[in-house]
Each structure stands twice: as C-alpha cells, then as structure tokens.
Amino acid sequence: MIFLKRFVYLVLLIVGLPIILNYGLFSWSAPGLNVDENAWLGFFANYVGLISAVCIALYQQYNQRKKDKEDEHTQKLKEDEQDRKSNRSFLVLHDFYANIKLNNVKTHKNSRVIETDGYKWLIDHLKPVVNVDDASTSFIKLSHYGNPEVILDCKVNIEVKSLKGLTKINVDIGVFEKGIEIFIPIVTRDAEFGETVDLMLVKVTYCTLRNEKIEYTHDLSQKKDICKVLHEGYEETLYEFQLDESSWTYPNKLIHEQNSQ
C-alpha cells in the first residue's frame, strides 16, 4: 500500500514537471528568449517516452519481486506440509488372548504391560485360587511405525462389553517409543472368573513431533479402522477401511501350548 502511494506521487511529479517547465520557462517571454513550439513538443515527446519506459520497467520489477515472494511462500508451505507428513507415525493394533504375564510371548525388551485397575484387581483375586503364571486374559497390543522415534501425549480410551454392561478403560501412555509394544489388558474390575469380555472400541489420540494431533479409531461395532488428523476447525481423514474378522496368536505361545499337552 505504501509502495503504491509513492508510485502515484512519483507519476504525478513526472507528469507535472514538464507542465511546470512549459508554463514557467518555455511559455515565459523574456528578452533574448526564443520560444519554439516544435522544439518543445519534441522535448515533451522524448520526455514522456523515457518516463513511460522507466515506469514500465519499475512496474515489471515490482511484479517480479511480488511473484518471487509468492513462489517462495508457496514453496515453504509445500516443504512444511511434506515435513509434517514425513513426521507422522501410524499405529498398528491387535487384540488377542494370552498368558496374564505374557509368558512365552516374545516381545521387544522395552515393551510393557499397562497395569490397569482391572488387571491389578484380577491378579490379586487369582493369587489365592490359582497359579497366576498359568492364568490368561485378553489384551490389545499397540505399536507405532514411521520416521520419528517417538509420539507424544498418547492417550487410549477403550470400551468393553461384559455382563455388567459397557465399561470404559482409560490409559495415559504419554511418550510412546518406536519399536516397543504396549500391551493393555482388556479386563474390568469385579469381573467374574471365566466371563467373556467383548472389545467394542479403541480410540487413541497422540501428537507427532510436528505437533499434529492424530486420532486412530478401531471400531468393532462398525467394523472399521479410521485414522484422522485433527486440524483446528476440521478433520483430515488419512485412511478408513473395513475390518475383516480374523484370529491370531504368537508362534512362541503355540509352541508352549503344544509342549504343555
């Protein structure tokens, strides 16, 4: 805006200068002054042509600088977007049935079991009845993949269905390192021994190192896996697909079960 004002003032000055010269010098009759209209017109035409060329050159330079800045800004936005994408981590989730202490389940040395209230309650109530090392329960296993070594502020919300109805299990993992596995027992407090617990929903929210907030939903009621980036004011779906029913187990667990028979 300031540049435009200055440009307008410059144009007015350039256009007004020959008029001032005309009326102040060439049109002023004085002793010994020769006034030639043709000479004046020639001077004025050359003057206007020169000034016009200068103005066009300045305008083109201004437009080119503006375009260069816009191109630089667009390029920076593209680089920032690519950087955000390359710093995204994606979760992989499995639910399975295994030994309550994951005996004979081979995992990364830094993997960990989250001791939920239901999990601690179950172990305390199993100790007087059976050997805890021989008991089993349901788990979900979480791991993440991508270029970054960690994801931050990772929170897990689980909904399970039992005889008592729908129960929520909330877990705050915090920092989640790449390569390890997080095991979360799917057991509710005050559950009956031998009671079947159905996993209904797992929703995980976390932040990337580029401060993008991502929400991963494993919805078994709708049989869908959905991953979204939660931008301010809108959501961006990264992927969504239907889940097919399947069952699986760890090879080490199978070997242990065969040897124990």
Protein backbone atom coordinates (compact mmCIF):
# COMPACT_ATOMS: atom_id res chain seq x y z
CA MET A 1 0.00 0.00 0.00
CA ILE A 2 2.86 2.41 0.86
CA PHE A 3 4.65 1.46 -2.36
CA LEU A 4 1.51 2.21 -4.38
CA LYS A 5 1.14 5.67 -2.80
CA ARG A 6 4.75 6.50 -3.50
CA PHE A 7 4.36 5.29 -7.06
CA VAL A 8 1.31 7.54 -7.60
CA TYR A 9 3.20 10.57 -6.21
CA LEU A 10 6.15 9.82 -8.49
CA VAL A 11 3.89 9.60 -11.56
CA LEU A 12 2.22 12.92 -10.66
CA LEU A 13 5.63 14.53 -10.24
CA ILE A 14 6.90 13.16 -13.55
CA VAL A 15 3.78 14.26 -15.45
CA GLY A 16 3.63 17.63 -13.72
CA LEU A 17 7.29 18.52 -14.23
CA PRO A 18 7.10 19.25 -17.99
CA ILE A 19 3.93 21.27 -17.47
CA ILE A 20 5.73 23.38 -14.88
CA LEU A 21 8.66 23.75 -17.24
CA ASN A 22 6.33 24.74 -20.07
CA TYR A 23 4.48 27.44 -18.22
CA GLY A 24 7.37 28.53 -16.09
CA LEU A 25 10.11 28.59 -18.68
CA PHE A 26 9.13 27.92 -22.27
CA SER A 27 5.92 29.97 -22.24
CA TRP A 28 7.55 32.82 -20.36
CA SER A 29 8.53 35.61 -22.73
CA ALA A 30 11.71 37.43 -21.77
CA PRO A 31 14.27 39.48 -23.65
CA GLY A 32 16.57 37.21 -25.66
CA LEU A 33 14.38 34.03 -25.12
CA ASN A 34 13.42 32.11 -28.27
CA VAL A 35 10.23 30.07 -27.89
CA ASP A 36 9.93 27.27 -30.42
CA GLU A 37 6.79 25.15 -30.09
CA ASN A 38 8.13 22.35 -32.28
CA ALA A 39 11.21 22.05 -30.11
CA TRP A 40 9.05 21.93 -27.03
CA LEU A 41 6.81 19.24 -28.50
CA GLY A 42 9.87 17.18 -29.44
CA PHE A 43 11.29 17.51 -25.95
CA PHE A 44 7.95 16.59 -24.38
CA ALA A 45 7.51 13.51 -26.58
CA ASN A 46 11.01 12.24 -25.76
CA TYR A 47 10.48 13.01 -22.09
CA VAL A 48 7.17 11.12 -21.94
CA GLY A 49 8.64 8.17 -23.84
CA LEU A 50 11.59 7.92 -21.48
CA ILE A 51 9.47 8.23 -18.38
CA SER A 52 6.97 5.68 -19.71
CA ALA A 53 9.77 3.17 -20.32
CA VAL A 54 11.13 3.76 -16.80
CA CYS A 55 7.67 3.32 -15.26
CA ILE A 56 7.04 0.10 -17.19
CA ALA A 57 10.43 -1.26 -16.08
CA LEU A 58 9.74 -0.37 -12.44
CA TYR A 59 6.28 -1.95 -12.61
CA GLN A 60 7.65 -5.15 -14.13
CA GLN A 61 10.34 -5.29 -11.46
CA TYR A 62 7.71 -4.83 -8.75
CA ASN A 63 5.54 -7.63 -10.19
CA GLN A 64 8.53 -9.96 -10.48
CA ARG A 65 9.56 -9.35 -6.87
CA LYS A 66 5.97 -9.93 -5.75
CA LYS A 67 5.79 -13.16 -7.75
CA ASP A 68 9.14 -14.34 -6.34
CA LYS A 69 7.87 -13.76 -2.78
CA GLU A 70 4.62 -15.63 -3.53
CA ASP A 71 6.57 -18.51 -5.08
CA GLU A 72 8.89 -18.58 -2.06
CA HIS A 73 5.90 -18.62 0.31
CA THR A 74 4.20 -21.41 -1.68
CA GLN A 75 7.39 -23.44 -1.70
CA LYS A 76 7.78 -23.02 2.06
CA LEU A 77 4.19 -24.20 2.58
CA LYS A 78 4.87 -27.27 0.45
CA GLU A 79 8.06 -28.03 2.38
CA ASP A 80 6.24 -27.62 5.72
CA GLU A 81 3.45 -29.93 4.54
CA GLN A 82 5.96 -32.53 3.38
CA ASP A 83 7.81 -32.25 6.70
CA ARG A 84 4.57 -32.82 8.62
CA LYS A 85 3.75 -35.87 6.52
CA SER A 86 7.22 -37.37 6.91
CA ASN A 87 6.97 -36.91 10.70
CA ARG A 88 3.66 -38.76 11.04
CA SER A 89 3.54 -42.05 12.91
CA PHE A 90 0.83 -44.65 12.44
CA LEU A 91 -0.49 -47.15 14.96
CA VAL A 92 -0.99 -50.88 14.50
CA LEU A 93 -3.43 -52.60 16.88
CA HIS A 94 -4.13 -56.27 17.56
CA ASP A 95 -6.33 -57.89 20.20
CA PHE A 96 -5.53 -61.40 21.39
CA TYR A 97 -5.76 -63.85 24.28
CA ALA A 98 -2.57 -64.77 26.15
CA ASN A 99 -0.95 -65.59 29.47
CA ILE A 100 -1.73 -62.90 32.03
CA LYS A 101 2.01 -62.10 32.37
CA LEU A 102 2.72 -62.70 28.67
CA ASN A 103 4.89 -65.71 29.49
CA ASN A 104 6.16 -67.39 26.30
CA VAL A 105 5.19 -64.33 24.26
CA LYS A 106 8.32 -62.90 22.67
CA THR A 107 8.33 -59.10 22.71
CA HIS A 108 10.79 -56.21 22.50
CA LYS A 109 12.88 -55.93 25.66
CA ASN A 110 11.42 -52.48 26.43
CA SER A 111 7.80 -53.44 25.76
CA ARG A 112 5.47 -53.06 28.70
CA VAL A 113 2.13 -54.16 30.09
CA ILE A 114 -0.09 -51.38 31.38
CA GLU A 115 -1.28 -52.27 34.87
CA THR A 116 -4.86 -51.09 34.72
CA ASP A 117 -7.12 -51.23 37.78
CA GLY A 118 -8.90 -54.27 36.36
CA TYR A 119 -5.60 -56.05 35.66
CA LYS A 120 -4.27 -55.49 39.20
CA TRP A 121 -7.63 -56.50 40.66
CA LEU A 122 -7.64 -59.72 38.65
CA ILE A 123 -4.11 -60.72 39.72
CA ASP A 124 -4.87 -60.02 43.39
CA HIS A 125 -8.02 -62.18 43.25
CA LEU A 126 -6.35 -65.00 41.30
CA LYS A 127 -3.43 -65.46 43.71
CA PRO A 128 -5.40 -67.28 46.44
CA VAL A 129 -7.15 -69.50 43.88
CA VAL A 130 -4.73 -70.50 41.10
CA ASN A 131 -1.15 -70.08 39.99
CA VAL A 132 -1.15 -66.64 38.36
CA ASP A 133 1.52 -67.74 35.86
CA ASP A 134 -0.96 -70.23 34.41
CA ALA A 135 -3.85 -67.77 34.04
CA SER A 136 -4.75 -66.00 30.79
CA THR A 137 -6.71 -62.92 29.77
CA SER A 138 -7.38 -60.68 26.77
CA PHE A 139 -5.03 -57.91 25.64
CA ILE A 140 -4.71 -55.32 22.96
CA LYS A 141 -1.24 -54.74 21.58
CA LEU A 142 -0.21 -51.32 20.23
CA SER A 143 2.88 -50.45 18.21
CA HIS A 144 3.72 -47.48 16.01
CA TYR A 145 5.63 -47.08 12.77
CA GLY A 146 7.06 -44.10 10.92
CA ASN A 147 10.22 -41.98 10.69
CA PRO A 148 10.04 -40.35 14.18
CA GLU A 149 11.38 -42.28 17.15
CA VAL A 150 8.52 -41.25 19.45
CA ILE A 151 4.97 -40.00 19.57
CA LEU A 152 3.81 -37.75 22.40
CA ASP A 153 0.82 -37.33 24.71
CA CYS A 154 -0.58 -40.73 23.76
CA LYS A 155 -3.96 -41.48 25.34
CA VAL A 156 -6.01 -44.66 24.89
CA ASN A 157 -9.76 -44.96 25.51
CA ILE A 158 -11.19 -48.48 25.42
CA GLU A 159 -14.82 -49.63 25.60
CA VAL A 160 -15.55 -53.26 26.51
CA LYS A 161 -18.83 -55.06 26.94
CA SER A 162 -19.39 -57.57 29.73
CA LEU A 163 -22.31 -58.97 31.71
CA LYS A 164 -22.39 -55.72 33.67
CA GLY A 165 -22.75 -53.65 30.51
CA LEU A 166 -20.37 -51.22 28.81
CA THR A 167 -17.17 -50.35 30.70
CA LYS A 168 -14.52 -47.79 29.78
CA ILE A 169 -10.79 -48.27 30.32
CA ASN A 170 -8.68 -45.12 30.04
CA VAL A 171 -4.89 -45.28 29.74
CA ASP A 172 -2.40 -42.41 29.56
CA ILE A 173 0.78 -43.74 27.91
CA GLY A 174 2.49 -40.37 27.44
CA VAL A 175 5.66 -40.87 25.38
CA PHE A 176 5.46 -43.92 23.09
CA GLU A 177 8.80 -45.08 21.63
CA LYS A 178 9.10 -46.70 18.22
CA GLY A 179 9.97 -50.40 18.24
CA ILE A 180 8.35 -51.27 21.57
CA GLU A 181 4.92 -52.78 22.09
CA ILE A 182 2.31 -51.60 24.57
CA PHE A 183 0.05 -54.33 25.99
CA ILE A 184 -3.19 -53.23 27.62
CA PRO A 185 -5.21 -55.91 29.45
CA ILE A 186 -8.88 -55.93 28.49
CA VAL A 187 -10.24 -56.84 31.89
CA THR A 188 -12.74 -54.95 34.01
CA ARG A 189 -12.74 -54.60 37.75
CA ASP A 190 -15.08 -57.03 39.57
CA ALA A 191 -15.26 -59.28 36.50
CA GLU A 192 -16.49 -62.83 37.02
CA PHE A 193 -13.91 -65.61 36.58
CA GLY A 194 -14.29 -67.09 33.11
CA GLU A 195 -16.51 -64.21 31.99
CA THR A 196 -16.27 -63.24 28.33
CA VAL A 197 -15.41 -59.60 27.69
CA ASP A 198 -16.00 -58.19 24.20
CA LEU A 199 -13.85 -55.39 22.84
CA MET A 200 -16.11 -52.76 21.24
CA LEU A 201 -13.99 -49.66 20.63
CA VAL A 202 -10.42 -48.41 20.94
CA LYS A 203 -9.68 -44.73 20.35
CA VAL A 204 -6.10 -43.49 20.54
CA THR A 205 -5.07 -39.82 20.31
CA TYR A 206 -1.47 -38.68 20.13
CA CYS A 207 0.76 -35.83 18.91
CA THR A 208 3.58 -36.07 16.40
CA LEU A 209 6.90 -34.27 16.72
CA ARG A 210 5.49 -31.63 14.32
CA ASN A 211 2.65 -31.04 16.79
CA GLU A 212 -0.02 -32.65 14.62
CA LYS A 213 -2.79 -34.28 16.64
CA ILE A 214 -3.84 -37.67 15.25
CA GLU A 215 -6.80 -39.81 16.23
CA TYR A 216 -6.85 -43.55 15.49
CA THR A 217 -10.14 -45.42 15.97
CA HIS A 218 -10.56 -49.20 16.00
CA ASP A 219 -14.35 -49.59 15.95
CA LEU A 220 -15.51 -53.20 16.10
CA SER A 221 -19.21 -52.27 16.30
CA GLN A 222 -18.88 -50.66 12.85
CA LYS A 223 -16.01 -52.96 11.81
CA LYS A 224 -13.87 -50.01 10.75
CA ASP A 225 -10.37 -48.67 11.25
CA ILE A 226 -10.14 -44.88 10.85
CA CYS A 227 -7.15 -42.55 11.15
CA LYS A 228 -7.60 -38.76 11.16
CA VAL A 229 -5.52 -35.64 11.61
CA LEU A 230 -7.36 -33.24 13.93
CA HIS A 231 -6.66 -29.81 12.49
CA GLU A 232 -8.05 -26.72 14.16
CA GLY A 233 -11.61 -26.44 12.90
CA TYR A 234 -11.65 -29.50 10.64
CA GLU A 235 -10.59 -33.15 10.33
CA GLU A 236 -8.48 -34.76 7.62
CA THR A 237 -9.06 -38.49 7.07
CA LEU A 238 -5.78 -40.27 6.30
CA TYR A 239 -7.33 -43.69 5.81
CA GLU A 240 -10.50 -45.66 6.51
CA PHE A 241 -11.17 -49.32 5.78
CA GLN A 242 -13.44 -52.18 6.74
CA LEU A 243 -12.21 -54.81 9.21
CA ASP A 244 -12.45 -58.49 8.41
CA GLU A 245 -12.86 -60.93 11.25
CA SER A 246 -9.72 -62.94 11.98
CA SER A 247 -7.94 -64.59 14.87
CA TRP A 248 -4.22 -64.95 15.55
CA THR A 249 -1.68 -65.84 18.19
CA TYR A 250 2.07 -65.73 18.79
CA PRO A 251 4.18 -68.67 17.46
CA ASN A 252 6.01 -68.95 20.81
CA LYS A 253 2.68 -69.25 22.55
CA LEU A 254 1.62 -72.09 20.24
CA ILE A 255 4.89 -73.94 20.86
CA HIS A 256 4.42 -73.57 24.62
CA GLU A 257 0.85 -74.87 24.45
CA GLN A 258 1.89 -77.89 22.34
CA ASN A 259 4.73 -78.74 24.73
CA SER A 260 2.45 -78.49 27.76
CA GLN A 261 -0.03 -81.03 26.35
